[in-house]
Amino acid sequence: MKSTSSIEEECLSCHGTGKINQKKCPACNGTGTSLTEDGQKLLKFLRDSIRTSEH
């Protein structure tokens, strides 16, 4: 059985446009996407791994 998981999703604040009232969306910084819970876990793991390898 194949399992897939997405790490990004459409920004809920700007609905993927990257802008709110013609200004860059502060929630996604203008990208139109945000990290899912799995994406946040992956980013945390990578950051922690980098910090560990630097010491």
PDB file of N, CA and C in Angstrom:
ATOM      1  N   MET A   1       0.834  -1.181   0.000  1.00  0.00           N
ATOM      2  CA  MET A   1       0.000   0.000   0.000  1.00  0.00           C
ATOM      3  C   MET A   1       0.878   1.243   0.000  1.00  0.00           C
ATOM      4  N   LYS A   2       0.644   2.132  -0.921  1.00  0.00           N
ATOM      5  CA  LYS A   2       1.433   3.341  -1.054  1.00  0.00           C
ATOM      6  C   LYS A   2       0.815   4.460  -0.220  1.00  0.00           C
ATOM      7  N   SER A   3       1.666   5.168   0.505  1.00  0.00           N
ATOM      8  CA  SER A   3       1.208   6.289   1.322  1.00  0.00           C
ATOM      9  C   SER A   3       1.894   7.560   0.845  1.00  0.00           C
ATOM     10  N   THR A   4       1.126   8.613   0.676  1.00  0.00           N
ATOM     11  CA  THR A   4       1.713   9.892   0.284  1.00  0.00           C
ATOM     12  C   THR A   4       1.337  10.940   1.311  1.00  0.00           C
ATOM     13  N   SER A   5       2.217  11.887   1.490  1.00  0.00           N
ATOM     14  CA  SER A   5       1.979  12.961   2.438  1.00  0.00           C
ATOM     15  C   SER A   5       2.501  14.251   1.833  1.00  0.00           C
ATOM     16  N   SER A   6       1.737  15.296   1.966  1.00  0.00           N
ATOM     17  CA  SER A   6       2.145  16.582   1.432  1.00  0.00           C
ATOM     18  C   SER A   6       2.786  17.405   2.541  1.00  0.00           C
ATOM     19  N   ILE A   7       3.810  18.161   2.199  1.00  0.00           N
ATOM     20  CA  ILE A   7       4.441  19.016   3.195  1.00  0.00           C
ATOM     21  C   ILE A   7       4.022  20.475   3.045  1.00  0.00           C
ATOM     22  N   GLU A   8       3.336  20.793   1.947  1.00  0.00           N
ATOM     23  CA  GLU A   8       2.839  22.150   1.733  1.00  0.00           C
ATOM     24  C   GLU A   8       1.361  22.119   1.412  1.00  0.00           C
ATOM     25  N   GLU A   9       0.700  23.221   1.747  1.00  0.00           N
ATOM     26  CA  GLU A   9      -0.706  23.373   1.396  1.00  0.00           C
ATOM     27  C   GLU A   9      -0.964  24.833   1.047  1.00  0.00           C
ATOM     28  N   GLU A  10      -2.087  25.089   0.431  1.00  0.00           N
ATOM     29  CA  GLU A  10      -2.467  26.452   0.086  1.00  0.00           C
ATOM     30  C   GLU A  10      -2.626  27.275   1.358  1.00  0.00           C
ATOM     31  N   CYS A  11      -2.095  28.479   1.343  1.00  0.00           N
ATOM     32  CA  CYS A  11      -2.213  29.367   2.499  1.00  0.00           C
ATOM     33  C   CYS A  11      -3.687  29.672   2.759  1.00  0.00           C
ATOM     34  N   LEU A  12      -4.101  29.492   4.001  1.00  0.00           N
ATOM     35  CA  LEU A  12      -5.497  29.728   4.358  1.00  0.00           C
ATOM     36  C   LEU A  12      -5.830  31.217   4.423  1.00  0.00           C
ATOM     37  N   SER A  13      -4.826  32.052   4.648  1.00  0.00           N
ATOM     38  CA  SER A  13      -5.073  33.489   4.764  1.00  0.00           C
ATOM     39  C   SER A  13      -5.324  34.156   3.417  1.00  0.00           C
ATOM     40  N   CYS A  14      -4.505  33.816   2.412  1.00  0.00           N
ATOM     41  CA  CYS A  14      -4.619  34.477   1.102  1.00  0.00           C
ATOM     42  C   CYS A  14      -5.188  33.551   0.030  1.00  0.00           C
ATOM     43  N   HIS A  15      -5.488  32.312   0.396  1.00  0.00           N
ATOM     44  CA  HIS A  15      -6.046  31.309  -0.524  1.00  0.00           C
ATOM     45  C   HIS A  15      -5.138  31.045  -1.724  1.00  0.00           C
ATOM     46  N   GLY A  16      -3.826  31.073  -1.464  1.00  0.00           N
ATOM     47  CA  GLY A  16      -2.856  30.719  -2.491  1.00  0.00           C
ATOM     48  C   GLY A  16      -2.422  31.840  -3.408  1.00  0.00           C
ATOM     49  N   THR A  17      -2.958  33.043  -3.219  1.00  0.00           N
ATOM     50  CA  THR A  17      -2.584  34.150  -4.104  1.00  0.00           C
ATOM     51  C   THR A  17      -1.286  34.826  -3.694  1.00  0.00           C
ATOM     52  N   GLY A  18      -0.926  34.718  -2.419  1.00  0.00           N
ATOM     53  CA  GLY A  18       0.281  35.383  -1.925  1.00  0.00           C
ATOM     54  C   GLY A  18       0.052  36.830  -1.535  1.00  0.00           C
ATOM     55  N   LYS A  19      -1.166  37.322  -1.748  1.00  0.00           N
ATOM     56  CA  LYS A  19      -1.461  38.724  -1.441  1.00  0.00           C
ATOM     57  C   LYS A  19      -2.796  38.861  -0.733  1.00  0.00           C
ATOM     58  N   ILE A  20      -2.860  39.872   0.128  1.00  0.00           N
ATOM     59  CA  ILE A  20      -4.103  40.274   0.773  1.00  0.00           C
ATOM     60  C   ILE A  20      -4.207  41.781   0.591  1.00  0.00           C
ATOM     61  N   ASN A  21      -5.280  42.222  -0.034  1.00  0.00           N
ATOM     62  CA  ASN A  21      -5.468  43.658  -0.320  1.00  0.00           C
ATOM     63  C   ASN A  21      -4.265  44.253  -1.050  1.00  0.00           C
ATOM     64  N   GLN A  22      -3.781  43.546  -2.056  1.00  0.00           N
ATOM     65  CA  GLN A  22      -2.668  43.973  -2.908  1.00  0.00           C
ATOM     66  C   GLN A  22      -1.332  44.078  -2.174  1.00  0.00           C
ATOM     67  N   LYS A  23      -1.238  43.520  -0.962  1.00  0.00           N
ATOM     68  CA  LYS A  23       0.018  43.513  -0.214  1.00  0.00           C
ATOM     69  C   LYS A  23       0.424  42.069   0.057  1.00  0.00           C
ATOM     70  N   LYS A  24       1.729  41.863   0.214  1.00  0.00           N
ATOM     71  CA  LYS A  24       2.246  40.523   0.475  1.00  0.00           C
ATOM     72  C   LYS A  24       1.595  39.941   1.727  1.00  0.00           C
ATOM     73  N   CYS A  25       1.126  38.728   1.611  1.00  0.00           N
ATOM     74  CA  CYS A  25       0.471  38.042   2.726  1.00  0.00           C
ATOM     75  C   CYS A  25       1.490  37.801   3.847  1.00  0.00           C
ATOM     76  N   PRO A  26       1.186  38.265   5.061  1.00  0.00           N
ATOM     77  CA  PRO A  26       2.128  38.055   6.165  1.00  0.00           C
ATOM     78  C   PRO A  26       2.182  36.605   6.651  1.00  0.00           C
ATOM     79  N   ALA A  27       1.130  35.856   6.434  1.00  0.00           N
ATOM     80  CA  ALA A  27       1.095  34.468   6.905  1.00  0.00           C
ATOM     81  C   ALA A  27       2.033  33.565   6.109  1.00  0.00           C
ATOM     82  N   CYS A  28       2.111  33.776   4.793  1.00  0.00           N
ATOM     83  CA  CYS A  28       2.946  32.909   3.941  1.00  0.00           C
ATOM     84  C   CYS A  28       4.127  33.657   3.331  1.00  0.00           C
ATOM     85  N   ASN A  29       4.260  34.932   3.683  1.00  0.00           N
ATOM     86  CA  ASN A  29       5.337  35.772   3.151  1.00  0.00           C
ATOM     87  C   ASN A  29       5.280  35.884   1.630  1.00  0.00           C
ATOM     88  N   GLY A  30       4.066  35.835   1.098  1.00  0.00           N
ATOM     89  CA  GLY A  30       3.869  36.022  -0.336  1.00  0.00           C
ATOM     90  C   GLY A  30       4.034  34.781  -1.193  1.00  0.00           C
ATOM     91  N   THR A  31       4.264  33.628  -0.584  1.00  0.00           N
ATOM     92  CA  THR A  31       4.466  32.411  -1.378  1.00  0.00           C
ATOM     93  C   THR A  31       3.157  31.759  -1.802  1.00  0.00           C
ATOM     94  N   GLY A  32       2.094  32.010  -1.042  1.00  0.00           N
ATOM     95  CA  GLY A  32       0.811  31.382  -1.346  1.00  0.00           C
ATOM     96  C   GLY A  32       0.666  29.990  -0.770  1.00  0.00           C
ATOM     97  N   THR A  33       1.710  29.516  -0.086  1.00  0.00           N
ATOM     98  CA  THR A  33       1.661  28.195   0.531  1.00  0.00           C
ATOM     99  C   THR A  33       2.127  28.274   1.977  1.00  0.00           C
ATOM    100  N   SER A  34       1.760  27.269   2.741  1.00  0.00           N
ATOM    101  CA  SER A  34       2.249  27.143   4.110  1.00  0.00           C
ATOM    102  C   SER A  34       2.565  25.674   4.359  1.00  0.00           C
ATOM    103  N   LEU A  35       3.357  25.416   5.380  1.00  0.00           N
ATOM    104  CA  LEU A  35       3.726  24.042   5.698  1.00  0.00           C
ATOM    105  C   LEU A  35       2.584  23.328   6.407  1.00  0.00           C
ATOM    106  N   THR A  36       2.396  22.080   6.051  1.00  0.00           N
ATOM    107  CA  THR A  36       1.442  21.237   6.772  1.00  0.00           C
ATOM    108  C   THR A  36       2.102  20.813   8.088  1.00  0.00           C
ATOM    109  N   GLU A  37       1.372  20.097   8.907  1.00  0.00           N
ATOM    110  CA  GLU A  37       1.942  19.589  10.160  1.00  0.00           C
ATOM    111  C   GLU A  37       3.142  18.685   9.867  1.00  0.00           C
ATOM    112  N   ASP A  38       3.023  17.836   8.836  1.00  0.00           N
ATOM    113  CA  ASP A  38       4.146  16.968   8.452  1.00  0.00           C
ATOM    114  C   ASP A  38       5.331  17.794   7.968  1.00  0.00           C
ATOM    115  N   GLY A  39       5.056  18.858   7.241  1.00  0.00           N
ATOM    116  CA  GLY A  39       6.115  19.738   6.760  1.00  0.00           C
ATOM    117  C   GLY A  39       6.840  20.425   7.905  1.00  0.00           C
ATOM    118  N   GLN A  40       6.095  20.853   8.910  1.00  0.00           N
ATOM    119  CA  GLN A  40       6.699  21.488  10.082  1.00  0.00           C
ATOM    120  C   GLN A  40       7.571  20.498  10.851  1.00  0.00           C
ATOM    121  N   LYS A  41       7.109  19.252  10.965  1.00  0.00           N
ATOM    122  CA  LYS A  41       7.901  18.218  11.639  1.00  0.00           C
ATOM    123  C   LYS A  41       9.196  17.950  10.881  1.00  0.00           C
ATOM    124  N   LEU A  42       9.106  17.878   9.558  1.00  0.00           N
ATOM    125  CA  LEU A  42      10.290  17.641   8.739  1.00  0.00           C
ATOM    126  C   LEU A  42      11.280  18.794   8.871  1.00  0.00           C
ATOM    127  N   LEU A  43      10.795  20.014   8.815  1.00  0.00           N
ATOM    128  CA  LEU A  43      11.661  21.182   8.948  1.00  0.00           C
ATOM    129  C   LEU A  43      12.346  21.194  10.314  1.00  0.00           C
ATOM    130  N   LYS A  44      11.613  20.887  11.367  1.00  0.00           N
ATOM    131  CA  LYS A  44      12.192  20.829  12.716  1.00  0.00           C
ATOM    132  C   LYS A  44      13.279  19.760  12.778  1.00  0.00           C
ATOM    133  N   PHE A  45      13.005  18.594  12.214  1.00  0.00           N
ATOM    134  CA  PHE A  45      13.993  17.517  12.202  1.00  0.00           C
ATOM    135  C   PHE A  45      15.271  17.961  11.487  1.00  0.00           C
ATOM    136  N   LEU A  46      15.121  18.585  10.332  1.00  0.00           N
ATOM    137  CA  LEU A  46      16.289  19.032   9.567  1.00  0.00           C
ATOM    138  C   LEU A  46      17.075  20.093  10.325  1.00  0.00           C
ATOM    139  N   ARG A  47      16.374  21.054  10.913  1.00  0.00           N
ATOM    140  CA  ARG A  47      17.058  22.104  11.684  1.00  0.00           C
ATOM    141  C   ARG A  47      17.799  21.508  12.878  1.00  0.00           C
ATOM    142  N   ASP A  48      17.146  20.594  13.596  1.00  0.00           N
ATOM    143  CA  ASP A  48      17.786  19.949  14.743  1.00  0.00           C
ATOM    144  C   ASP A  48      19.000  19.139  14.304  1.00  0.00           C
ATOM    145  N   SER A  49      18.912  18.471  13.171  1.00  0.00           N
ATOM    146  CA  SER A  49      20.031  17.678  12.652  1.00  0.00           C
ATOM    147  C   SER A  49      21.212  18.565  12.300  1.00  0.00           C
ATOM    148  N   ILE A  50      20.935  19.714  11.714  1.00  0.00           N
ATOM    149  CA  ILE A  50      22.007  20.648  11.347  1.00  0.00           C
ATOM    150  C   ILE A  50      22.672  21.189  12.606  1.00  0.00           C
ATOM    151  N   ARG A  51      21.874  21.557  13.592  1.00  0.00           N
ATOM    152  CA  ARG A  51      22.438  22.080  14.847  1.00  0.00           C
ATOM    153  C   ARG A  51      23.315  21.035  15.523  1.00  0.00           C
ATOM    154  N   THR A  52      22.868  19.789  15.524  1.00  0.00           N
ATOM    155  CA  THR A  52      23.618  18.710  16.153  1.00  0.00           C
ATOM    156  C   THR A  52      24.947  18.489  15.436  1.00  0.00           C
ATOM    157  N   SER A  53      24.941  18.551  14.120  1.00  0.00           N
ATOM    158  CA  SER A  53      26.164  18.302  13.354  1.00  0.00           C
ATOM    159  C   SER A  53      27.143  19.468  13.442  1.00  0.00           C
ATOM    160  N   GLU A  54      26.679  20.647  13.828  1.00  0.00           N
ATOM    161  CA  GLU A  54      27.561  21.809  13.949  1.00  0.00           C
ATOM    162  C   GLU A  54      28.360  21.787  15.248  1.00  0.00           C
ATOM    163  N   HIS A  55      27.953  20.963  16.208  1.00  0.00           N
ATOM    164  CA  HIS A  55      28.629  20.948  17.517  1.00  0.00           C
ATOM    165  C   HIS A  55      29.550  19.789  17.650  1.00  0.00           C
TER     166      HIS A  55
END
